[in-house]
Amino acid sequence: MYLEISNPMDYHAALYIRLSKEDESEGPSQSVQNQESLLREFVQQHRLSVYDTYVDDGWSGTNFDRPSFQRMIADIEARKVNMVITKDLSRLGRDYIMTGHYMERYFPEHRVRYISLLDGIDTGVDSTANDITPFRAIMNDMYAKDISKKIKSVKRDKQRKGQFIGGKPVYGYKMHPTEKNKIVIDEEVAPIVRRVFALALSGMSCRNIAVLLNQEGIPTPATYANLPVARPGPYTGLWSSERISDMLQNETYIGNMVQGRSVKISYKSKKCLKQGPANWVIVEGTHEPLVDAETFRKVRMLLNSRKHTRSRTYDFLLKGLIFCHECGYPLAVLNRKNAMGEDVLYFVCRTYQRFTKAGVCSSHSIKEKTVTDAVIDKVREVCRAYLNPDELLPMAREAVENSRKQSSLETELQAVQSKIDSLTANLDRMYTDRLNGLLPEEDFQRIFNRAKLDRKLLEEKRQELELRKKSSVRPEDRAKELVQRFIETAGESRELLVSLIERVELTEDKEVIIKFRFAQLEETEESQISQGIAPFHTA
């Protein structure tokens, strides 16, 4: 190795190793053992002290939430590590933006020396290899993008052939014991699926079917498959009307393979977006059906007929703001008739509504108008207690001036961001042209270096504008402006209410808890509480 370490005793090195599933196809040279052997040889040769070895096996280079990588970052933050060594730059990552962030900002800011052995990169010295690091990062990013496209194409081809490529088959099926990409009926839970269809065909609603299954203690599909719960809640392990409805409309149960219901946003993200039915890949007759086509058709007709009779959605002042204090979920709104036949809106706990008779939470039932009026009165009371009338005129003048400055800064910020986006796109195109031989090396180096410098200057300008924009409006000034406007409009503006309130919680005892967005208003309410004015009840 030609890299030199003149002061090895000053460093506590982290050996970072990463291997993705795609890398395995490149042979043993990319193996975990090979990477570690290479890194160990280097540290022994240069008499470096190794703090720890961090291995992410099976993790994509575009994902920087890798467990061992994040553990290494935590050790850097704790000042346990001040040197990071990888086999090559692609082991650090294949997203050139994030790789650049760690190389050019994070590591230098935390006084961490980064070494990439095969690339000859060493941030501890000034070298030509360091200058071309951005090119390598872009190349690694393009490689990841190309691999992602190929994998996506292969998966799409298998879907069109009716081959199952998901992780777990739908409830009622399991993987074929010998044939890959094929599913068969899971006889252990198949009777439950058939029973759900039979109950629906008899006229029972999805909600009542869910209640029945919960009462009988039948495990949900997720519980049966022992799947991890992303966001545990009071309803975890319970059947819901949504689960039943989804089952009754899934063509998989009549022998058709249904895939492509969601798609990844990008090769750099694990997040998925739901696809509309028009984009699903459906192949008929790929496996044994669990229910006959006629039963499925009749059940679908029943579900469709109920869709037209469902209650409409309602607009109300606290929409999106009011939650159940006990379970934390949004309250639902129901329309009921009073003794005079008039429509009256009621709040009710959504969890209780979905899982009636399952013993989850309680109804929290109360008139929407009762809560809304109480909230408006309370907010107005807090606002008046907070606002000093002598400050109104100067505050109004300052608000106008601040608004003008904000508008000007926002326009300038958008223009700078647009230039940054344009330069980033140009850098991508230049590198592609260089790889394809369309741009000579000399021209490429000159244009690329200039574009890179321009982008750096623009990034600094953007950060400066964001700081100016943030500092131009003090939280207390914004609070006073909104408070005054709320008082003047008598609390009828939803926009102002949303600006002042973060959330409203309704307790089982009908107590209303308001959480303000501004610390000044929170302090005012706390002062009132100490005087016995708040909290308050709606009934």
Protein backbone atom coordinates (compact mmCIF):
# COMPACT_ATOMS: atom_id res chain seq x y z
CA MET A 1 0.00 0.00 0.00
CA TYR A 2 1.41 3.41 -0.99
CA LEU A 3 -0.61 5.38 1.57
CA GLU A 4 1.54 6.66 4.42
CA ILE A 5 0.54 7.23 8.06
CA SER A 6 3.19 9.36 9.75
CA ASN A 7 1.56 9.45 13.18
CA PRO A 8 -0.26 6.10 13.68
CA MET A 9 -0.51 6.45 17.47
CA ASP A 10 -2.87 9.43 17.07
CA TYR A 11 -5.61 7.34 15.47
CA HIS A 12 -8.33 4.95 16.62
CA ALA A 13 -9.50 3.30 13.42
CA ALA A 14 -12.87 1.94 12.40
CA LEU A 15 -12.71 -0.83 9.80
CA TYR A 16 -15.92 -0.55 7.80
CA ILE A 17 -17.11 -3.47 5.65
CA ARG A 18 -20.25 -3.63 3.52
CA LEU A 19 -21.59 -6.36 1.25
CA SER A 20 -24.90 -6.16 -0.60
CA LYS A 21 -26.74 -9.05 -2.22
CA GLU A 22 -25.79 -7.70 -5.65
CA ASP A 23 -22.09 -7.60 -4.69
CA GLU A 24 -22.13 -11.36 -4.02
CA SER A 25 -22.43 -11.97 -7.77
CA GLU A 26 -19.01 -10.36 -8.29
CA GLY A 27 -17.30 -13.30 -6.64
CA PRO A 28 -15.14 -13.80 -3.54
CA SER A 29 -13.14 -10.56 -4.03
CA GLN A 30 -16.00 -8.59 -2.49
CA SER A 31 -16.66 -11.01 0.38
CA VAL A 32 -16.69 -9.86 3.99
CA GLN A 33 -13.65 -12.04 4.70
CA ASN A 34 -11.70 -10.59 1.77
CA GLN A 35 -12.49 -7.01 2.75
CA GLU A 36 -11.52 -7.58 6.38
CA SER A 37 -8.29 -9.33 5.39
CA LEU A 38 -7.28 -6.38 3.21
CA LEU A 39 -8.08 -3.85 5.94
CA ARG A 40 -6.26 -5.87 8.63
CA GLU A 41 -3.16 -6.11 6.44
CA PHE A 42 -3.15 -2.33 6.02
CA VAL A 43 -3.53 -1.49 9.73
CA GLN A 44 -0.83 -4.00 10.70
CA GLN A 45 1.54 -2.58 8.10
CA HIS A 46 1.01 0.95 9.43
CA ARG A 47 0.81 -0.01 13.13
CA LEU A 48 -2.66 1.47 13.54
CA SER A 49 -4.89 0.85 16.55
CA VAL A 50 -8.30 -0.60 15.59
CA TYR A 51 -11.16 0.52 17.80
CA ASP A 52 -13.76 -1.79 16.20
CA THR A 53 -14.82 -3.55 13.00
CA TYR A 54 -18.23 -2.65 11.57
CA VAL A 55 -19.89 -5.08 9.16
CA ASP A 56 -23.12 -4.52 7.20
CA ASP A 57 -23.77 -7.78 5.36
CA GLY A 58 -26.64 -7.73 2.85
CA TRP A 59 -27.16 -3.94 2.91
CA SER A 60 -27.44 -1.72 -0.16
CA GLY A 61 -24.93 1.08 -0.62
CA THR A 62 -27.75 3.56 -1.25
CA ASN A 63 -29.13 3.01 2.25
CA PHE A 64 -27.23 4.93 4.93
CA ASP A 65 -29.45 3.67 7.76
CA ARG A 66 -27.40 0.47 7.92
CA PRO A 67 -27.11 -0.73 11.53
CA SER A 68 -23.34 -1.08 11.73
CA PHE A 69 -22.76 2.14 9.80
CA GLN A 70 -24.99 4.00 12.27
CA ARG A 71 -23.15 2.33 15.16
CA MET A 72 -19.88 3.61 13.69
CA ILE A 73 -21.34 7.13 13.39
CA ALA A 74 -22.41 6.95 17.05
CA ASP A 75 -18.84 6.03 18.02
CA ILE A 76 -17.53 8.96 15.96
CA GLU A 77 -19.95 11.27 17.77
CA ALA A 78 -18.66 9.86 21.08
CA ARG A 79 -15.07 10.58 19.89
CA LYS A 80 -14.10 6.94 20.12
CA VAL A 81 -13.15 6.82 16.42
CA ASN A 82 -11.15 9.35 14.38
CA MET A 83 -10.26 7.26 11.33
CA VAL A 84 -12.47 5.26 8.96
CA ILE A 85 -10.96 2.74 6.53
CA THR A 86 -12.79 0.93 3.71
CA LYS A 87 -11.65 -1.31 0.89
CA ASP A 88 -12.96 1.16 -1.70
CA LEU A 89 -15.30 4.14 -1.87
CA SER A 90 -18.30 2.03 -2.93
CA ARG A 91 -18.13 0.20 0.44
CA LEU A 92 -18.86 3.54 2.14
CA GLY A 93 -21.86 4.09 -0.14
CA ARG A 94 -23.24 4.25 -3.66
CA ASP A 95 -25.33 7.41 -3.29
CA TYR A 96 -22.97 10.14 -4.47
CA ILE A 97 -24.82 12.91 -2.62
CA MET A 98 -24.67 11.13 0.75
CA THR A 99 -21.14 9.83 0.11
CA GLY A 100 -20.06 13.38 -0.69
CA HIS A 101 -21.74 14.60 2.49
CA TYR A 102 -19.69 12.25 4.65
CA MET A 103 -16.46 12.75 2.69
CA GLU A 104 -16.56 16.53 2.33
CA ARG A 105 -18.52 17.66 5.40
CA TYR A 106 -19.21 15.12 8.13
CA PHE A 107 -15.76 13.51 8.43
CA PRO A 108 -13.84 16.84 8.28
CA GLU A 109 -16.22 18.49 10.77
CA HIS A 110 -15.65 15.61 13.21
CA ARG A 111 -11.89 15.46 12.51
CA VAL A 112 -12.12 11.98 11.08
CA ARG A 113 -9.55 10.84 8.53
CA TYR A 114 -11.05 8.69 5.79
CA ILE A 115 -9.02 6.17 3.78
CA SER A 116 -10.19 4.14 0.80
CA LEU A 117 -7.46 1.62 0.03
CA LEU A 118 -8.01 0.59 -3.59
CA ASP A 119 -8.92 4.13 -4.70
CA GLY A 120 -5.88 5.67 -3.01
CA ILE A 121 -8.13 8.17 -1.22
CA ASP A 122 -6.78 9.66 2.00
CA THR A 123 -8.39 12.83 3.36
CA GLY A 124 -5.38 13.28 5.65
CA VAL A 125 -3.21 14.35 2.72
CA ASP A 126 -3.66 16.52 -0.36
CA SER A 127 -3.59 14.22 -3.40
CA THR A 128 -4.96 13.84 -6.93
CA ALA A 129 -6.91 10.77 -5.82
CA ASN A 130 -8.90 12.97 -3.44
CA ASP A 131 -9.68 15.42 -6.26
CA ILE A 132 -11.36 12.75 -8.38
CA THR A 133 -13.37 11.33 -5.46
CA PRO A 134 -16.60 13.04 -6.69
CA PHE A 135 -16.22 11.22 -10.03
CA ARG A 136 -15.91 7.87 -8.28
CA ALA A 137 -18.93 8.66 -6.10
CA ILE A 138 -21.05 9.49 -9.16
CA MET A 139 -19.85 6.30 -10.88
CA ASN A 140 -20.83 4.22 -7.83
CA ASP A 141 -24.22 5.94 -7.76
CA MET A 142 -24.78 5.20 -11.45
CA TYR A 143 -23.79 1.57 -10.86
CA ALA A 144 -26.40 1.28 -8.09
CA LYS A 145 -29.02 2.86 -10.35
CA ASP A 146 -28.18 0.48 -13.19
CA ILE A 147 -28.32 -2.58 -10.91
CA SER A 148 -31.66 -1.39 -9.53
CA LYS A 149 -33.11 -1.08 -13.04
CA LYS A 150 -31.96 -4.59 -13.96
CA ILE A 151 -33.40 -6.12 -10.79
CA LYS A 152 -36.67 -4.26 -11.32
CA SER A 153 -36.85 -5.52 -14.90
CA VAL A 154 -36.24 -9.14 -13.85
CA LYS A 155 -38.91 -8.91 -11.12
CA ARG A 156 -41.43 -7.34 -13.50
CA ASP A 157 -40.81 -10.13 -16.01
CA LYS A 158 -41.45 -12.77 -13.33
CA GLN A 159 -44.64 -10.98 -12.29
CA ARG A 160 -45.94 -11.02 -15.88
CA LYS A 161 -45.28 -14.76 -15.98
CA GLY A 162 -47.39 -15.23 -12.85
CA GLN A 163 -44.46 -16.15 -10.62
CA PHE A 164 -44.75 -15.07 -6.98
CA ILE A 165 -41.84 -12.81 -5.97
CA GLY A 166 -43.09 -11.36 -2.67
CA GLY A 167 -41.89 -12.10 0.83
CA LYS A 168 -45.02 -13.74 2.25
CA PRO A 169 -48.05 -15.02 0.30
CA VAL A 170 -51.47 -13.64 1.22
CA TYR A 171 -53.28 -15.18 4.18
CA GLY A 172 -54.57 -18.62 3.18
CA TYR A 173 -51.58 -19.52 1.01
CA LYS A 174 -47.98 -20.56 1.59
CA MET A 175 -44.91 -21.14 -0.57
CA HIS A 176 -44.75 -24.39 -2.55
CA PRO A 177 -42.41 -26.81 -0.74
CA THR A 178 -40.39 -27.66 -3.87
CA GLU A 179 -41.27 -25.25 -6.70
CA LYS A 180 -39.80 -21.75 -6.46
CA ASN A 181 -42.06 -18.70 -7.07
CA LYS A 182 -45.20 -20.83 -6.69
CA ILE A 183 -47.86 -20.73 -3.95
CA VAL A 184 -50.21 -23.41 -2.62
CA ILE A 185 -53.19 -23.41 -0.24
CA ASP A 186 -52.34 -23.28 3.46
CA GLU A 187 -54.84 -25.80 4.81
CA GLU A 188 -54.35 -24.60 8.38
CA VAL A 189 -56.06 -21.23 7.79
CA ALA A 190 -57.89 -21.86 4.49
CA PRO A 191 -61.17 -22.66 6.35
CA ILE A 192 -61.07 -19.19 7.94
CA VAL A 193 -60.80 -17.51 4.54
CA ARG A 194 -63.70 -19.56 3.15
CA ARG A 195 -65.75 -18.74 6.24
CA VAL A 196 -65.12 -14.99 5.83
CA PHE A 197 -66.42 -15.15 2.26
CA ALA A 198 -69.45 -17.19 3.37
CA LEU A 199 -70.28 -14.67 6.11
CA ALA A 200 -69.96 -11.78 3.67
CA LEU A 201 -72.19 -13.59 1.17
CA SER A 202 -74.82 -14.03 3.89
CA GLY A 203 -74.97 -10.25 4.27
CA MET A 204 -72.75 -9.71 7.31
CA SER A 205 -70.75 -6.46 7.17
CA CYS A 206 -66.95 -6.35 7.21
CA ARG A 207 -67.06 -4.69 10.63
CA ASN A 208 -69.25 -7.41 12.14
CA ILE A 209 -67.09 -10.15 10.62
CA ALA A 210 -64.03 -8.54 12.24
CA VAL A 211 -65.85 -8.33 15.60
CA LEU A 212 -66.78 -12.03 15.35
CA LEU A 213 -63.22 -13.15 14.57
CA ASN A 214 -61.85 -11.04 17.43
CA GLN A 215 -64.40 -12.51 19.86
CA GLU A 216 -63.36 -16.01 18.82
CA GLY A 217 -59.68 -15.15 19.30
CA ILE A 218 -58.66 -16.05 15.74
CA PRO A 219 -55.13 -14.73 15.01
CA THR A 220 -54.84 -12.03 12.34
CA PRO A 221 -52.77 -12.69 9.18
CA ALA A 222 -49.84 -10.71 10.63
CA THR A 223 -49.97 -12.60 13.93
CA TYR A 224 -50.25 -15.96 12.17
CA ALA A 225 -47.28 -15.18 9.91
CA ASN A 226 -45.33 -13.84 12.91
CA LEU A 227 -44.65 -10.58 11.07
CA PRO A 228 -43.08 -7.64 12.95
CA VAL A 229 -45.41 -4.75 13.73
CA ALA A 230 -44.13 -1.44 12.35
CA ARG A 231 -46.17 0.72 14.72
CA PRO A 232 -47.63 -1.19 17.68
CA GLY A 233 -50.90 0.19 18.99
CA PRO A 234 -53.94 -0.76 21.02
CA TYR A 235 -55.39 -2.60 18.03
CA THR A 236 -52.30 -4.74 17.37
CA GLY A 237 -53.35 -8.36 16.84
CA LEU A 238 -56.99 -7.51 16.09
CA TRP A 239 -59.04 -7.97 12.95
CA SER A 240 -60.42 -4.77 11.41
CA SER A 241 -63.07 -4.05 8.79
CA GLU A 242 -60.26 -2.83 6.48
CA ARG A 243 -58.47 -6.19 6.70
CA ILE A 244 -61.68 -8.06 5.94
CA SER A 245 -62.57 -5.76 3.03
CA ASP A 246 -59.11 -6.17 1.51
CA MET A 247 -59.39 -9.96 1.75
CA LEU A 248 -62.82 -10.03 0.10
CA GLN A 249 -61.55 -8.01 -2.88
CA ASN A 250 -58.30 -9.89 -3.45
CA GLU A 251 -58.38 -11.92 -6.69
CA THR A 252 -55.61 -14.16 -5.34
CA TYR A 253 -58.37 -16.20 -3.69
CA ILE A 254 -59.89 -17.15 -7.08
CA GLY A 255 -56.55 -18.39 -8.46
CA ASN A 256 -55.22 -15.16 -9.99
CA MET A 257 -51.76 -13.86 -9.10
CA VAL A 258 -52.02 -10.20 -8.04
CA GLN A 259 -48.73 -8.29 -7.68
CA GLY A 260 -47.33 -4.79 -8.13
CA ARG A 261 -49.75 -3.23 -5.64
CA SER A 262 -46.95 -1.01 -4.38
CA VAL A 263 -43.72 0.28 -5.87
CA LYS A 264 -40.49 1.66 -4.36
CA ILE A 265 -40.12 5.43 -4.68
CA SER A 266 -36.47 5.19 -5.73
CA TYR A 267 -33.49 2.87 -5.69
CA LYS A 268 -32.20 5.11 -2.89
CA SER A 269 -35.22 4.61 -0.66
CA LYS A 270 -37.09 1.69 0.90
CA LYS A 271 -40.35 3.63 1.03
CA CYS A 272 -43.15 2.33 -1.17
CA LEU A 273 -46.15 3.99 -2.76
CA LYS A 274 -49.45 2.21 -3.26
CA GLN A 275 -50.38 1.64 -6.89
CA GLY A 276 -53.86 1.96 -8.32
CA PRO A 277 -55.54 -1.23 -9.66
CA ALA A 278 -54.76 -0.09 -13.22
CA ASN A 279 -51.03 -0.59 -12.49
CA TRP A 280 -51.32 -3.98 -10.80
CA VAL A 281 -49.94 -7.06 -12.54
CA ILE A 282 -52.71 -9.70 -12.58
CA VAL A 283 -52.18 -13.12 -14.15
CA GLU A 284 -55.15 -15.49 -14.19
CA GLY A 285 -55.12 -19.17 -13.24
CA THR A 286 -51.68 -19.41 -11.65
CA HIS A 287 -52.66 -21.47 -8.59
CA GLU A 288 -55.51 -23.36 -6.94
CA PRO A 289 -58.40 -21.05 -5.90
CA LEU A 290 -59.68 -20.90 -2.33
CA VAL A 291 -63.17 -19.68 -3.28
CA ASP A 292 -65.13 -20.08 -6.50
CA ALA A 293 -65.42 -17.19 -8.96
CA GLU A 294 -69.21 -16.89 -8.55
CA THR A 295 -68.97 -16.42 -4.77
CA PHE A 296 -66.23 -13.83 -5.27
CA ARG A 297 -68.34 -11.95 -7.85
CA LYS A 298 -71.43 -11.85 -5.60
CA VAL A 299 -69.42 -10.68 -2.58
CA ARG A 300 -67.81 -7.91 -4.64
CA MET A 301 -71.26 -6.77 -5.80
CA LEU A 302 -72.43 -6.60 -2.18
CA LEU A 303 -69.38 -4.54 -1.18
CA ASN A 304 -69.83 -2.17 -4.11
CA SER A 305 -73.50 -1.64 -3.27
CA ARG A 306 -72.57 -0.65 0.28
CA LYS A 307 -70.01 1.88 -0.92
CA HIS A 308 -72.81 4.02 -2.34
CA THR A 309 -74.66 4.06 0.98
CA ARG A 310 -71.72 4.96 3.18
CA SER A 311 -71.95 8.18 5.16
CA ARG A 312 -70.30 11.19 3.60
CA THR A 313 -67.25 12.91 5.04
CA TYR A 314 -67.77 16.01 7.14
CA ASP A 315 -65.89 19.27 7.41
CA PHE A 316 -65.48 20.68 10.90
CA LEU A 317 -63.18 23.22 12.55
CA LEU A 318 -61.04 20.73 14.50
CA LYS A 319 -60.50 18.33 11.58
CA GLY A 320 -57.02 16.80 11.81
CA LEU A 321 -56.41 18.42 15.20
CA ILE A 322 -58.41 16.35 17.69
CA PHE A 323 -57.16 13.05 19.12
CA CYS A 324 -58.06 10.50 21.77
CA HIS A 325 -55.98 11.17 24.89
CA GLU A 326 -55.96 7.49 25.91
CA CYS A 327 -54.94 5.71 22.67
CA GLY A 328 -53.49 8.67 20.76
CA TYR A 329 -55.44 8.09 17.55
CA PRO A 330 -57.60 10.69 15.73
CA LEU A 331 -61.24 10.93 16.74
CA ALA A 332 -63.84 9.96 14.15
CA VAL A 333 -66.95 12.02 13.39
CA LEU A 334 -70.40 10.43 13.22
CA ASN A 335 -73.69 11.99 12.13
CA ARG A 336 -76.71 11.27 14.33
CA LYS A 337 -80.30 12.52 14.34
CA ASN A 338 -81.62 14.33 17.40
CA ALA A 339 -85.23 14.21 18.67
CA MET A 340 -86.23 16.85 16.11
CA GLY A 341 -84.70 14.93 13.20
CA GLU A 342 -81.80 17.35 12.81
CA ASP A 343 -78.26 16.23 11.94
CA VAL A 344 -75.84 16.43 14.88
CA LEU A 345 -72.12 15.60 14.60
CA TYR A 346 -70.49 13.57 17.37
CA PHE A 347 -66.84 12.81 18.12
CA VAL A 348 -66.05 9.17 18.90
CA CYS A 349 -62.78 7.32 19.44
CA ARG A 350 -61.77 5.77 16.12
CA THR A 351 -60.03 2.82 17.80
CA TYR A 352 -63.15 2.02 19.84
CA GLN A 353 -65.31 2.37 16.72
CA ARG A 354 -63.13 -0.02 14.70
CA PHE A 355 -62.76 -2.64 17.43
CA THR A 356 -66.09 -2.57 19.26
CA LYS A 357 -66.47 -5.37 21.83
CA ALA A 358 -62.73 -6.02 21.76
CA GLY A 359 -62.21 -4.03 24.95
CA VAL A 360 -59.93 -1.49 23.26
CA CYS A 361 -60.26 2.10 24.55
CA SER A 362 -63.74 3.67 25.13
CA SER A 363 -66.24 5.63 23.06
CA HIS A 364 -65.38 9.20 24.17
CA SER A 365 -68.71 10.12 22.53
CA ILE A 366 -69.51 13.85 22.69
CA LYS A 367 -71.09 16.50 20.46
CA GLU A 368 -68.65 18.09 18.03
CA LYS A 369 -70.10 21.57 18.69
CA THR A 370 -69.61 21.21 22.44
CA VAL A 371 -65.89 20.52 22.05
CA THR A 372 -65.33 23.10 19.29
CA ASP A 373 -67.02 25.91 21.23
CA ALA A 374 -65.05 25.02 24.35
CA VAL A 375 -61.76 25.00 22.43
CA ILE A 376 -62.43 28.38 20.78
CA ASP A 377 -63.39 29.95 24.10
CA LYS A 378 -60.31 28.54 25.80
CA VAL A 379 -57.91 29.62 23.02
CA ARG A 380 -59.40 33.12 23.00
CA GLU A 381 -59.04 33.29 26.79
CA VAL A 382 -55.37 32.28 26.64
CA CYS A 383 -54.73 34.68 23.74
CA ARG A 384 -56.22 37.65 25.58
CA ALA A 385 -54.23 36.85 28.70
CA TYR A 386 -51.04 36.69 26.63
CA LEU A 387 -51.46 39.83 24.50
CA ASN A 388 -50.51 43.28 25.81
CA PRO A 389 -52.80 45.89 24.13
CA ASP A 390 -50.03 48.56 24.20
CA GLU A 391 -47.95 46.49 21.79
CA LEU A 392 -50.57 46.13 19.04
CA LEU A 393 -49.69 49.11 16.80
CA PRO A 394 -45.88 48.63 16.81
CA MET A 395 -46.43 44.89 16.34
CA ALA A 396 -48.64 45.46 13.30
CA ARG A 397 -46.03 47.71 11.66
CA GLU A 398 -43.26 45.23 12.36
CA ALA A 399 -45.37 42.36 11.03
CA VAL A 400 -45.84 44.16 7.69
CA GLU A 401 -42.10 44.78 7.37
CA ASN A 402 -41.28 41.18 8.33
CA SER A 403 -43.74 39.87 5.78
CA ARG A 404 -42.06 41.91 3.04
CA LYS A 405 -38.60 40.65 4.03
CA GLN A 406 -39.82 37.05 4.20
CA SER A 407 -41.32 37.23 0.72
CA SER A 408 -38.10 38.66 -0.73
CA LEU A 409 -35.92 36.04 0.97
CA GLU A 410 -38.20 33.20 -0.15
CA THR A 411 -38.02 34.35 -3.79
CA GLU A 412 -34.22 34.56 -3.63
CA LEU A 413 -33.99 31.17 -1.91
CA GLN A 414 -36.11 29.49 -4.60
CA ALA A 415 -33.91 30.98 -7.34
CA VAL A 416 -30.72 29.70 -5.67
CA GLN A 417 -32.20 26.22 -5.15
CA SER A 418 -33.23 26.11 -8.82
CA LYS A 419 -29.65 26.88 -9.87
CA ILE A 420 -28.29 24.17 -7.54
CA ASP A 421 -30.70 21.59 -9.00
CA SER A 422 -29.71 22.61 -12.53
CA LEU A 423 -25.99 22.34 -11.77
CA THR A 424 -26.44 18.93 -10.14
CA ALA A 425 -28.25 17.67 -13.25
CA ASN A 426 -25.48 19.09 -15.46
CA LEU A 427 -22.82 17.31 -13.39
CA ASP A 428 -24.64 14.01 -13.91
CA ARG A 429 -24.90 14.59 -17.66
CA MET A 430 -21.23 15.60 -17.94
CA TYR A 431 -20.08 12.43 -16.25
CA THR A 432 -22.29 10.32 -18.51
CA ASP A 433 -20.91 12.11 -21.58
CA ARG A 434 -17.37 11.50 -20.31
CA LEU A 435 -18.03 7.77 -19.88
CA ASN A 436 -19.51 7.57 -23.38
CA GLY A 437 -16.54 9.38 -24.92
CA LEU A 438 -18.59 12.43 -25.92
CA LEU A 439 -16.59 14.84 -23.75
CA PRO A 440 -12.76 14.97 -23.87
CA GLU A 441 -10.95 14.47 -20.56
CA GLU A 442 -9.40 17.95 -20.56
CA ASP A 443 -12.72 19.68 -21.22
CA PHE A 444 -14.43 17.47 -18.67
CA GLN A 445 -11.94 18.33 -15.91
CA ARG A 446 -12.17 22.06 -16.62
CA ILE A 447 -15.98 22.24 -16.84
CA PHE A 448 -16.55 19.83 -13.95
CA ASN A 449 -14.24 21.72 -11.58
CA ARG A 450 -15.90 25.02 -12.45
CA ALA A 451 -19.40 23.55 -12.01
CA LYS A 452 -18.40 21.96 -8.71
CA LEU A 453 -17.07 25.31 -7.43
CA ASP A 454 -20.24 27.10 -8.56
CA ARG A 455 -22.40 24.56 -6.77
CA LYS A 456 -20.35 24.92 -3.58
CA LEU A 457 -20.78 28.71 -3.65
CA LEU A 458 -24.51 28.34 -4.27
CA GLU A 459 -24.84 25.88 -1.37
CA GLU A 460 -23.16 28.42 0.91
CA LYS A 461 -25.49 31.13 -0.40
CA ARG A 462 -28.52 28.91 0.22
CA GLN A 463 -27.46 28.21 3.81
CA GLU A 464 -26.94 31.93 4.40
CA LEU A 465 -30.42 32.75 3.05
CA GLU A 466 -32.04 30.04 5.17
CA LEU A 467 -30.38 31.44 8.30
CA ARG A 468 -31.50 34.97 7.42
CA LYS A 469 -35.03 33.76 6.77
CA LYS A 470 -35.15 31.85 10.04
CA SER A 471 -33.75 34.73 12.10
CA SER A 472 -35.98 37.37 10.49
CA VAL A 473 -39.06 36.12 12.32
CA ARG A 474 -38.91 35.68 16.07
CA PRO A 475 -41.32 33.07 17.52
CA GLU A 476 -42.80 35.61 19.93
CA ASP A 477 -43.53 38.05 17.07
CA ARG A 478 -45.24 35.33 15.07
CA ALA A 479 -47.25 34.27 18.12
CA LYS A 480 -48.47 37.81 18.77
CA GLU A 481 -49.47 38.31 15.15
CA LEU A 482 -51.52 35.10 15.09
CA VAL A 483 -53.06 35.77 18.50
CA GLN A 484 -54.28 39.21 17.44
CA ARG A 485 -55.74 37.87 14.19
CA PHE A 486 -57.48 35.05 16.07
CA ILE A 487 -59.14 37.48 18.50
CA GLU A 488 -60.25 39.76 15.65
CA THR A 489 -61.88 36.91 13.70
CA ALA A 490 -63.74 35.62 16.76
CA GLY A 491 -62.08 32.24 16.31
CA GLU A 492 -63.91 31.31 13.12
CA SER A 493 -60.78 30.88 10.99
CA ARG A 494 -59.55 27.29 10.76
CA GLU A 495 -56.27 28.52 9.24
CA LEU A 496 -55.53 30.59 12.34
CA LEU A 497 -56.58 27.79 14.68
CA VAL A 498 -54.16 25.39 12.97
CA SER A 499 -51.41 28.02 13.23
CA LEU A 500 -51.90 28.36 17.00
CA ILE A 501 -52.78 24.80 18.05
CA GLU A 502 -50.67 21.69 17.56
CA ARG A 503 -53.34 19.26 18.74
CA VAL A 504 -56.41 18.87 20.95
CA GLU A 505 -56.90 15.76 23.09
CA LEU A 506 -60.18 14.50 24.52
CA THR A 507 -59.98 12.34 27.63
CA GLU A 508 -62.34 9.57 28.66
CA ASP A 509 -63.77 11.96 31.30
CA LYS A 510 -64.55 14.56 28.57
CA GLU A 511 -61.65 16.80 29.60
CA VAL A 512 -60.12 18.82 26.75
CA ILE A 513 -56.34 19.29 26.63
CA ILE A 514 -54.95 21.90 24.23
CA LYS A 515 -51.31 21.81 23.09
CA PHE A 516 -50.17 25.12 21.59
CA ARG A 517 -47.52 25.52 18.89
CA PHE A 518 -45.87 28.46 20.67
CA ALA A 519 -44.04 28.18 23.98
CA GLN A 520 -45.32 31.62 24.95
CA LEU A 521 -48.94 30.43 24.81
CA GLU A 522 -48.07 27.21 26.64
CA GLU A 523 -46.52 29.32 29.42
CA THR A 524 -49.61 31.54 29.55
CA GLU A 525 -51.88 28.50 29.91
CA GLU A 526 -49.60 27.02 32.60
CA SER A 527 -49.87 30.32 34.48
CA GLN A 528 -53.66 30.06 34.28
CA ILE A 529 -53.56 26.46 35.51
CA SER A 530 -51.63 27.60 38.58
CA GLN A 531 -54.44 30.12 39.22
CA GLY A 532 -57.10 27.42 38.96
CA ILE A 533 -58.44 28.58 35.56
CA ALA A 534 -57.40 25.53 33.50
CA PRO A 535 -57.60 22.66 32.53
CA PHE A 536 -61.25 22.54 31.64
CA HIS A 537 -64.05 20.08 30.99
CA THR A 538 -66.61 20.15 28.22
CA ALA A 539 -69.40 18.69 30.29
